[in-house]
Amino acid sequence: MNNKRNQHVVPHADGWAVKGAGSERATKVVDTQREAINIAKGIAQKQGTEMLIHGENGRIRERNSYGNDPYPPKG
């Protein structure tokens, strides 16, 4: 089974959470979005996946890919 999951930075009752895609539980909960982004970026870079940053409204506001995407993208 593939453990590589895109990492999401999402608002949380206690601040900001880093969650793997499809996970119910947060990988880590921190006080600031900046801290959560740094953690998610590290995981995504290590796994070669994407990091998706959600705003306070829950909508995705930014995404960064750390995979081996073909350049230029096909299609």
C-alpha atoms as a PDB file:
ATOM      1  CA  MET A   1       0.000   0.000   0.000  1.00  0.00           C
ATOM      2  CA  ASN A   2       1.201   3.490  -0.849  1.00  0.00           C
ATOM      3  CA  ASN A   3       1.681   5.666   2.237  1.00  0.00           C
ATOM      4  CA  LYS A   4       2.361   8.798   0.260  1.00  0.00           C
ATOM      5  CA  ARG A   5      -0.409  11.302   0.816  1.00  0.00           C
ATOM      6  CA  ASN A   6      -0.861  14.902  -0.160  1.00  0.00           C
ATOM      7  CA  GLN A   7      -0.496  17.095   2.919  1.00  0.00           C
ATOM      8  CA  HIS A   8      -3.236  19.560   3.817  1.00  0.00           C
ATOM      9  CA  VAL A   9      -2.839  22.600   6.076  1.00  0.00           C
ATOM     10  CA  VAL A  10      -6.296  23.217   7.535  1.00  0.00           C
ATOM     11  CA  PRO A  11      -7.894  25.385  10.229  1.00  0.00           C
ATOM     12  CA  HIS A  12      -8.314  23.558  13.560  1.00  0.00           C
ATOM     13  CA  ALA A  13     -10.067  24.396  16.834  1.00  0.00           C
ATOM     14  CA  ASP A  14      -6.637  24.713  18.477  1.00  0.00           C
ATOM     15  CA  GLY A  15      -4.949  26.634  15.650  1.00  0.00           C
ATOM     16  CA  TRP A  16      -3.836  24.919  12.442  1.00  0.00           C
ATOM     17  CA  ALA A  17      -3.504  21.253  11.577  1.00  0.00           C
ATOM     18  CA  VAL A  18      -1.424  19.246   9.138  1.00  0.00           C
ATOM     19  CA  LYS A  19      -3.404  16.305   7.765  1.00  0.00           C
ATOM     20  CA  GLY A  20      -2.609  13.611   5.251  1.00  0.00           C
ATOM     21  CA  ALA A  21      -5.238  13.341   2.513  1.00  0.00           C
ATOM     22  CA  GLY A  22      -8.022  10.993   3.581  1.00  0.00           C
ATOM     23  CA  SER A  23      -6.971  11.021   7.238  1.00  0.00           C
ATOM     24  CA  GLU A  24      -9.499  11.769   9.932  1.00  0.00           C
ATOM     25  CA  ARG A  25      -6.844  12.649  12.486  1.00  0.00           C
ATOM     26  CA  ALA A  26      -4.343  15.458  12.189  1.00  0.00           C
ATOM     27  CA  THR A  27      -0.679  14.527  11.886  1.00  0.00           C
ATOM     28  CA  LYS A  28       0.196  17.613  13.936  1.00  0.00           C
ATOM     29  CA  VAL A  29      -1.685  20.587  15.424  1.00  0.00           C
ATOM     30  CA  VAL A  30       0.174  23.881  15.940  1.00  0.00           C
ATOM     31  CA  ASP A  31      -0.621  27.503  16.831  1.00  0.00           C
ATOM     32  CA  THR A  32       0.146  29.221  13.537  1.00  0.00           C
ATOM     33  CA  GLN A  33      -0.531  28.564   9.885  1.00  0.00           C
ATOM     34  CA  ARG A  34       3.118  29.345   9.095  1.00  0.00           C
ATOM     35  CA  GLU A  35       4.283  26.574  11.439  1.00  0.00           C
ATOM     36  CA  ALA A  36       1.797  24.122   9.907  1.00  0.00           C
ATOM     37  CA  ILE A  37       2.972  25.052   6.392  1.00  0.00           C
ATOM     38  CA  ASN A  38       6.604  24.398   7.339  1.00  0.00           C
ATOM     39  CA  ILE A  39       5.724  20.951   8.729  1.00  0.00           C
ATOM     40  CA  ALA A  40       3.519  20.036   5.753  1.00  0.00           C
ATOM     41  CA  LYS A  41       6.178  21.225   3.300  1.00  0.00           C
ATOM     42  CA  GLY A  42       8.793  19.006   4.944  1.00  0.00           C
ATOM     43  CA  ILE A  43       6.553  15.943   4.769  1.00  0.00           C
ATOM     44  CA  ALA A  44       5.488  16.645   1.169  1.00  0.00           C
ATOM     45  CA  GLN A  45       9.089  17.181   0.046  1.00  0.00           C
ATOM     46  CA  LYS A  46      10.210  13.953   1.721  1.00  0.00           C
ATOM     47  CA  GLN A  47       7.352  11.958   0.171  1.00  0.00           C
ATOM     48  CA  GLY A  48       7.308  13.706  -3.213  1.00  0.00           C
ATOM     49  CA  THR A  49       3.652  14.684  -2.839  1.00  0.00           C
ATOM     50  CA  GLU A  50       1.628  17.900  -2.845  1.00  0.00           C
ATOM     51  CA  MET A  51       0.985  20.404  -0.077  1.00  0.00           C
ATOM     52  CA  LEU A  52      -2.389  22.141  -0.140  1.00  0.00           C
ATOM     53  CA  ILE A  53      -2.916  25.202   2.035  1.00  0.00           C
ATOM     54  CA  HIS A  54      -6.465  25.990   3.087  1.00  0.00           C
ATOM     55  CA  GLY A  55      -7.555  29.445   4.227  1.00  0.00           C
ATOM     56  CA  GLU A  56      -9.556  30.109   7.386  1.00  0.00           C
ATOM     57  CA  ASN A  57     -12.728  29.518   5.354  1.00  0.00           C
ATOM     58  CA  GLY A  58     -11.530  25.992   4.543  1.00  0.00           C
ATOM     59  CA  ARG A  59     -11.062  26.679   0.830  1.00  0.00           C
ATOM     60  CA  ILE A  60      -7.775  25.753  -0.839  1.00  0.00           C
ATOM     61  CA  ARG A  61      -5.813  28.960  -1.381  1.00  0.00           C
ATOM     62  CA  GLU A  62      -2.498  27.566  -2.548  1.00  0.00           C
ATOM     63  CA  ARG A  63      -0.970  24.292  -3.645  1.00  0.00           C
ATOM     64  CA  ASN A  64       2.639  23.266  -4.121  1.00  0.00           C
ATOM     65  CA  SER A  65       3.821  20.060  -5.712  1.00  0.00           C
ATOM     66  CA  TYR A  66       6.992  18.354  -4.549  1.00  0.00           C
ATOM     67  CA  GLY A  67       6.642  15.292  -6.769  1.00  0.00           C
ATOM     68  CA  ASN A  68       8.430  14.373  -9.950  1.00  0.00           C
ATOM     69  CA  ASP A  69       5.999  16.193 -12.175  1.00  0.00           C
ATOM     70  CA  PRO A  70       6.905  16.274 -15.856  1.00  0.00           C
ATOM     71  CA  TYR A  71       7.870  19.747 -17.032  1.00  0.00           C
ATOM     72  CA  PRO A  72       6.226  21.149 -18.991  1.00  0.00           C
ATOM     73  CA  PRO A  73       3.027  19.462 -17.813  1.00  0.00           C
ATOM     74  CA  LYS A  74       1.330  17.214 -20.363  1.00  0.00           C
ATOM     75  CA  GLY A  75      -2.140  18.102 -21.616  1.00  0.00           C
END
